[in-house]
């Protein structure tokens, strides 16, 4: 665990994301993939905001500024870039979900299609 006044590590593991998603307290799971990827597979409860539209749509996240935000993509590369960018914009609790939706399908919810 990290001190309450410190930013969390840049990555968060799948089990921690699932626990936070289940509790639904001050937590946002952000899907930064494109709409066609989301149509193929998605995690229930995640908010879709594609990386390609993030800068123009940042105001959509304003209400989540003080929340823990776990960003996910397919494997974890885009979400890591998005989490770092969000931190630069003042979202200090943004994290990248390690392994992405592909790993989520393998370890957490096999009903989520792999692609």
N, C-alpha and C. Protein backbone atom coordinates (compact mmCIF):
# COMPACT_ATOMS: atom_id res chain seq x y z
N UNK A 1 0.84 -1.18 0.00
CA UNK A 1 0.00 0.00 0.00
C UNK A 1 0.88 1.24 0.00
N UNK A 2 0.36 2.34 -0.49
CA UNK A 2 1.12 3.58 -0.57
C UNK A 2 0.55 4.58 0.42
N UNK A 3 1.36 5.53 0.88
CA UNK A 3 0.86 6.54 1.81
C UNK A 3 -0.31 7.30 1.20
N UNK A 4 -1.23 7.72 2.03
CA UNK A 4 -2.46 8.37 1.56
C UNK A 4 -2.18 9.64 0.76
N UNK A 5 -1.10 10.35 1.06
CA UNK A 5 -0.81 11.59 0.36
C UNK A 5 0.07 11.40 -0.87
N UNK A 6 0.47 10.17 -1.15
CA UNK A 6 1.33 9.88 -2.30
C UNK A 6 0.50 9.33 -3.45
N UNK A 7 0.97 9.57 -4.66
CA UNK A 7 0.32 8.98 -5.82
C UNK A 7 0.60 7.49 -5.84
N UNK A 8 -0.38 6.69 -6.28
CA UNK A 8 -0.16 5.24 -6.35
C UNK A 8 0.83 4.90 -7.46
N UNK A 9 1.33 3.67 -7.48
CA UNK A 9 2.21 3.24 -8.58
C UNK A 9 1.50 3.42 -9.92
N UNK A 10 2.25 3.55 -10.98
CA UNK A 10 1.67 3.81 -12.31
C UNK A 10 0.87 2.61 -12.83
N UNK A 11 1.14 1.41 -12.34
CA UNK A 11 0.37 0.24 -12.77
C UNK A 11 -0.39 -0.36 -11.59
N UNK A 12 -1.54 -0.95 -11.93
CA UNK A 12 -2.37 -1.63 -10.94
C UNK A 12 -2.66 -3.04 -11.47
N UNK A 13 -2.68 -4.01 -10.57
CA UNK A 13 -2.90 -5.40 -11.00
C UNK A 13 -4.40 -5.67 -11.17
N UNK A 14 -4.68 -6.75 -11.87
CA UNK A 14 -6.06 -7.11 -12.20
C UNK A 14 -6.94 -7.36 -10.98
N UNK A 15 -6.41 -8.05 -9.99
CA UNK A 15 -7.21 -8.36 -8.80
C UNK A 15 -7.59 -7.09 -8.05
N UNK A 16 -6.69 -6.12 -8.00
CA UNK A 16 -6.99 -4.85 -7.35
C UNK A 16 -8.07 -4.09 -8.12
N UNK A 17 -8.00 -4.13 -9.45
CA UNK A 17 -9.02 -3.48 -10.26
C UNK A 17 -10.38 -4.14 -10.01
N UNK A 18 -10.41 -5.44 -10.01
CA UNK A 18 -11.68 -6.13 -9.78
C UNK A 18 -12.26 -5.77 -8.42
N UNK A 19 -11.43 -5.73 -7.40
CA UNK A 19 -11.90 -5.39 -6.05
C UNK A 19 -12.46 -3.96 -6.01
N UNK A 20 -11.77 -3.03 -6.66
CA UNK A 20 -12.24 -1.64 -6.69
C UNK A 20 -13.53 -1.53 -7.51
N UNK A 21 -13.61 -2.24 -8.60
CA UNK A 21 -14.81 -2.22 -9.44
C UNK A 21 -16.00 -2.79 -8.67
N UNK A 22 -15.77 -3.84 -7.91
CA UNK A 22 -16.84 -4.45 -7.12
C UNK A 22 -17.36 -3.50 -6.04
N UNK A 23 -16.44 -2.73 -5.43
CA UNK A 23 -16.84 -1.81 -4.36
C UNK A 23 -17.49 -0.54 -4.91
N UNK A 24 -17.13 -0.14 -6.11
CA UNK A 24 -17.69 1.02 -6.80
C UNK A 24 -17.59 2.32 -5.99
N UNK A 25 -16.57 2.46 -5.19
CA UNK A 25 -16.39 3.67 -4.40
C UNK A 25 -15.25 4.51 -4.95
N UNK A 26 -15.56 5.70 -5.41
CA UNK A 26 -14.53 6.62 -5.89
C UNK A 26 -13.54 5.94 -6.83
N UNK A 27 -14.08 5.20 -7.78
CA UNK A 27 -13.26 4.44 -8.72
C UNK A 27 -13.86 4.50 -10.12
N UNK A 28 -13.00 4.65 -11.12
CA UNK A 28 -13.42 4.63 -12.51
C UNK A 28 -12.51 3.69 -13.28
N UNK A 29 -13.12 2.76 -14.01
CA UNK A 29 -12.39 1.92 -14.94
C UNK A 29 -12.58 2.55 -16.31
N UNK A 30 -11.50 3.02 -16.90
CA UNK A 30 -11.53 3.76 -18.15
C UNK A 30 -10.95 2.91 -19.27
N UNK A 31 -11.75 2.69 -20.29
CA UNK A 31 -11.34 1.91 -21.47
C UNK A 31 -10.86 2.91 -22.52
N UNK A 32 -9.56 2.87 -22.84
CA UNK A 32 -9.00 3.84 -23.79
C UNK A 32 -8.86 3.26 -25.20
N UNK A 33 -9.51 2.10 -25.45
CA UNK A 33 -9.46 1.51 -26.79
C UNK A 33 -10.45 2.21 -27.72
N UNK A 34 -10.41 1.84 -28.96
CA UNK A 34 -11.29 2.43 -29.96
C UNK A 34 -12.66 1.75 -29.94
N UNK A 35 -13.71 2.42 -30.43
CA UNK A 35 -15.07 1.85 -30.39
C UNK A 35 -15.21 0.47 -31.02
N UNK A 36 -14.48 0.19 -32.10
CA UNK A 36 -14.60 -1.14 -32.71
C UNK A 36 -14.03 -2.22 -31.79
N UNK A 37 -12.98 -1.90 -31.05
CA UNK A 37 -12.43 -2.86 -30.08
C UNK A 37 -13.42 -3.08 -28.94
N UNK A 38 -14.03 -1.99 -28.47
CA UNK A 38 -15.01 -2.06 -27.40
C UNK A 38 -16.21 -2.90 -27.81
N UNK A 39 -16.61 -2.79 -29.07
CA UNK A 39 -17.74 -3.58 -29.57
C UNK A 39 -17.41 -5.06 -29.57
N UNK A 40 -16.14 -5.39 -29.77
CA UNK A 40 -15.70 -6.79 -29.79
C UNK A 40 -15.67 -7.38 -28.39
N UNK A 41 -15.14 -6.61 -27.44
CA UNK A 41 -15.00 -7.09 -26.06
C UNK A 41 -14.94 -5.89 -25.13
N UNK A 42 -15.63 -5.97 -24.01
CA UNK A 42 -15.55 -4.90 -23.02
C UNK A 42 -15.81 -5.44 -21.62
N UNK A 43 -15.36 -4.69 -20.64
CA UNK A 43 -15.55 -5.04 -19.24
C UNK A 43 -16.75 -4.26 -18.74
N UNK A 44 -17.77 -4.96 -18.24
CA UNK A 44 -18.95 -4.26 -17.72
C UNK A 44 -18.56 -3.24 -16.65
N UNK A 45 -19.11 -2.05 -16.76
CA UNK A 45 -18.83 -0.99 -15.81
C UNK A 45 -17.73 -0.04 -16.25
N UNK A 46 -17.01 -0.37 -17.31
CA UNK A 46 -15.93 0.50 -17.79
C UNK A 46 -16.51 1.62 -18.65
N UNK A 47 -15.91 2.80 -18.55
CA UNK A 47 -16.29 3.95 -19.37
C UNK A 47 -15.37 4.00 -20.59
N UNK A 48 -15.96 4.03 -21.77
CA UNK A 48 -15.18 4.11 -23.00
C UNK A 48 -14.84 5.57 -23.30
N UNK A 49 -13.56 5.86 -23.39
CA UNK A 49 -13.06 7.16 -23.84
C UNK A 49 -11.77 6.89 -24.60
N UNK A 50 -11.89 6.72 -25.93
CA UNK A 50 -10.72 6.33 -26.72
C UNK A 50 -9.53 7.28 -26.57
N UNK A 51 -8.34 6.71 -26.57
CA UNK A 51 -7.12 7.49 -26.48
C UNK A 51 -7.09 8.58 -27.55
N UNK A 52 -7.60 8.27 -28.73
CA UNK A 52 -7.59 9.22 -29.84
C UNK A 52 -8.49 10.43 -29.58
N UNK A 53 -9.40 10.34 -28.62
CA UNK A 53 -10.34 11.43 -28.33
C UNK A 53 -10.11 12.03 -26.94
N UNK A 54 -9.14 11.52 -26.22
CA UNK A 54 -8.96 11.88 -24.82
C UNK A 54 -8.70 13.37 -24.60
N UNK A 55 -7.77 13.94 -25.32
CA UNK A 55 -7.44 15.35 -25.11
C UNK A 55 -8.65 16.24 -25.35
N UNK A 56 -9.41 15.95 -26.39
CA UNK A 56 -10.58 16.76 -26.71
C UNK A 56 -11.75 16.52 -25.76
N UNK A 57 -11.72 15.40 -25.05
CA UNK A 57 -12.85 15.02 -24.19
C UNK A 57 -12.48 14.99 -22.72
N UNK A 58 -11.40 15.64 -22.36
CA UNK A 58 -10.92 15.58 -20.97
C UNK A 58 -11.97 16.07 -19.98
N UNK A 59 -12.81 17.01 -20.38
CA UNK A 59 -13.83 17.53 -19.46
C UNK A 59 -14.79 16.42 -19.00
N UNK A 60 -14.94 15.36 -19.80
CA UNK A 60 -15.79 14.24 -19.41
C UNK A 60 -15.26 13.53 -18.16
N UNK A 61 -13.98 13.72 -17.87
CA UNK A 61 -13.38 13.06 -16.72
C UNK A 61 -13.27 13.96 -15.49
N UNK A 62 -13.64 15.21 -15.63
CA UNK A 62 -13.45 16.17 -14.54
C UNK A 62 -14.07 15.71 -13.23
N UNK A 63 -15.25 15.12 -13.28
CA UNK A 63 -15.90 14.67 -12.06
C UNK A 63 -15.15 13.53 -11.36
N UNK A 64 -14.21 12.92 -12.08
CA UNK A 64 -13.43 11.80 -11.54
C UNK A 64 -12.01 12.21 -11.12
N UNK A 65 -11.74 13.50 -11.09
CA UNK A 65 -10.38 13.99 -10.84
C UNK A 65 -9.77 13.41 -9.56
N UNK A 66 -10.55 13.27 -8.50
CA UNK A 66 -10.01 12.78 -7.23
C UNK A 66 -10.22 11.28 -7.03
N UNK A 67 -10.76 10.61 -8.04
CA UNK A 67 -11.01 9.17 -7.96
C UNK A 67 -9.74 8.41 -8.32
N UNK A 68 -9.71 7.15 -7.90
CA UNK A 68 -8.74 6.23 -8.47
C UNK A 68 -9.26 5.90 -9.87
N UNK A 69 -8.42 6.04 -10.87
CA UNK A 69 -8.78 5.74 -12.25
C UNK A 69 -7.85 4.65 -12.74
N UNK A 70 -8.41 3.52 -13.13
CA UNK A 70 -7.62 2.46 -13.76
C UNK A 70 -7.94 2.49 -15.24
N UNK A 71 -6.94 2.68 -16.04
CA UNK A 71 -7.10 2.76 -17.49
C UNK A 71 -6.73 1.40 -18.08
N UNK A 72 -7.56 0.92 -19.01
CA UNK A 72 -7.19 -0.33 -19.66
C UNK A 72 -7.29 -0.21 -21.18
N UNK A 73 -6.50 -1.04 -21.84
CA UNK A 73 -6.53 -1.15 -23.29
C UNK A 73 -6.48 -2.64 -23.61
N UNK A 74 -5.91 -3.00 -24.74
CA UNK A 74 -5.86 -4.41 -25.12
C UNK A 74 -4.83 -5.18 -24.28
N UNK A 75 -3.58 -4.69 -24.25
CA UNK A 75 -2.51 -5.39 -23.54
C UNK A 75 -1.82 -4.54 -22.48
N UNK A 76 -1.98 -3.24 -22.49
CA UNK A 76 -1.39 -2.39 -21.46
C UNK A 76 -0.48 -1.29 -21.94
N UNK A 77 -0.16 -1.25 -23.22
CA UNK A 77 0.73 -0.20 -23.75
C UNK A 77 0.06 1.17 -23.83
N UNK A 78 -1.08 1.22 -24.48
CA UNK A 78 -1.80 2.50 -24.60
C UNK A 78 -2.25 3.01 -23.24
N UNK A 79 -2.72 2.10 -22.41
CA UNK A 79 -3.22 2.53 -21.10
C UNK A 79 -2.11 3.12 -20.24
N UNK A 80 -0.90 2.63 -20.38
CA UNK A 80 0.23 3.19 -19.65
C UNK A 80 0.50 4.62 -20.10
N UNK A 81 0.45 4.85 -21.41
CA UNK A 81 0.63 6.21 -21.93
C UNK A 81 -0.49 7.13 -21.45
N UNK A 82 -1.72 6.63 -21.48
CA UNK A 82 -2.87 7.44 -21.05
C UNK A 82 -2.77 7.75 -19.56
N UNK A 83 -2.42 6.77 -18.74
CA UNK A 83 -2.30 7.00 -17.30
C UNK A 83 -1.24 8.06 -17.01
N UNK A 84 -0.12 7.97 -17.69
CA UNK A 84 0.93 9.00 -17.50
C UNK A 84 0.44 10.37 -17.93
N UNK A 85 -0.26 10.44 -19.06
CA UNK A 85 -0.78 11.72 -19.54
C UNK A 85 -1.81 12.29 -18.57
N UNK A 86 -2.69 11.43 -18.07
CA UNK A 86 -3.69 11.89 -17.11
C UNK A 86 -3.03 12.45 -15.85
N UNK A 87 -1.98 11.82 -15.40
CA UNK A 87 -1.25 12.34 -14.24
C UNK A 87 -0.68 13.73 -14.53
N UNK A 88 -0.19 13.92 -15.74
CA UNK A 88 0.33 15.23 -16.12
C UNK A 88 -0.78 16.29 -16.13
N UNK A 89 -2.03 15.86 -16.31
CA UNK A 89 -3.18 16.76 -16.33
C UNK A 89 -3.78 16.94 -14.94
N UNK A 90 -3.17 16.35 -13.92
CA UNK A 90 -3.63 16.53 -12.56
C UNK A 90 -4.46 15.40 -11.99
N UNK A 91 -4.58 14.30 -12.72
CA UNK A 91 -5.30 13.13 -12.23
C UNK A 91 -4.27 12.21 -11.56
N UNK A 92 -3.88 12.56 -10.34
CA UNK A 92 -2.77 11.90 -9.66
C UNK A 92 -2.98 10.44 -9.32
N UNK A 93 -4.22 9.97 -9.33
CA UNK A 93 -4.49 8.58 -8.98
C UNK A 93 -4.76 7.71 -10.20
N UNK A 94 -4.40 8.20 -11.38
CA UNK A 94 -4.57 7.40 -12.61
C UNK A 94 -3.52 6.30 -12.65
N UNK A 95 -3.96 5.10 -13.02
CA UNK A 95 -3.08 3.96 -13.13
C UNK A 95 -3.43 3.16 -14.38
N UNK A 96 -2.47 2.42 -14.87
CA UNK A 96 -2.67 1.53 -16.00
C UNK A 96 -2.93 0.12 -15.48
N UNK A 97 -3.97 -0.52 -16.00
CA UNK A 97 -4.26 -1.90 -15.61
C UNK A 97 -3.30 -2.83 -16.34
N UNK A 98 -2.40 -3.43 -15.60
CA UNK A 98 -1.38 -4.31 -16.17
C UNK A 98 -2.04 -5.49 -16.89
N UNK A 99 -1.61 -5.74 -18.11
CA UNK A 99 -2.10 -6.89 -18.88
C UNK A 99 -3.30 -6.60 -19.76
N UNK A 100 -4.00 -5.50 -19.49
CA UNK A 100 -5.13 -5.10 -20.33
C UNK A 100 -6.30 -6.07 -20.29
N UNK A 101 -7.23 -5.83 -21.21
CA UNK A 101 -8.44 -6.65 -21.27
C UNK A 101 -8.13 -8.09 -21.67
N UNK A 102 -7.05 -8.30 -22.39
CA UNK A 102 -6.67 -9.66 -22.76
C UNK A 102 -6.36 -10.48 -21.50
N UNK A 103 -5.57 -9.93 -20.61
CA UNK A 103 -5.24 -10.63 -19.37
C UNK A 103 -6.47 -10.73 -18.46
N UNK A 104 -7.33 -9.72 -18.50
CA UNK A 104 -8.59 -9.76 -17.74
C UNK A 104 -9.41 -10.99 -18.16
N UNK A 105 -9.48 -11.22 -19.45
CA UNK A 105 -10.22 -12.36 -19.97
C UNK A 105 -9.60 -13.69 -19.51
N UNK A 106 -8.29 -13.74 -19.45
CA UNK A 106 -7.60 -14.96 -19.04
C UNK A 106 -7.70 -15.24 -17.54
N UNK A 107 -7.64 -14.18 -16.72
CA UNK A 107 -7.53 -14.38 -15.28
C UNK A 107 -8.77 -14.03 -14.48
N UNK A 108 -9.61 -13.12 -14.98
CA UNK A 108 -10.72 -12.63 -14.18
C UNK A 108 -12.08 -13.07 -14.73
N UNK A 109 -12.31 -12.83 -16.00
CA UNK A 109 -13.63 -13.10 -16.58
C UNK A 109 -13.50 -13.72 -17.97
N UNK A 110 -13.54 -15.05 -18.05
CA UNK A 110 -13.37 -15.72 -19.34
C UNK A 110 -14.53 -15.50 -20.31
N UNK A 111 -15.61 -14.87 -19.85
CA UNK A 111 -16.72 -14.56 -20.77
C UNK A 111 -16.40 -13.34 -21.64
N UNK A 112 -15.39 -12.59 -21.27
CA UNK A 112 -14.94 -11.45 -22.09
C UNK A 112 -14.14 -12.03 -23.25
N UNK A 113 -14.59 -11.80 -24.49
CA UNK A 113 -13.90 -12.38 -25.65
C UNK A 113 -12.46 -11.90 -25.79
N UNK A 114 -11.61 -12.78 -26.24
CA UNK A 114 -10.22 -12.40 -26.58
C UNK A 114 -10.15 -12.13 -28.08
N UNK A 115 -9.32 -11.21 -28.46
CA UNK A 115 -9.14 -10.90 -29.88
C UNK A 115 -7.71 -10.56 -30.17
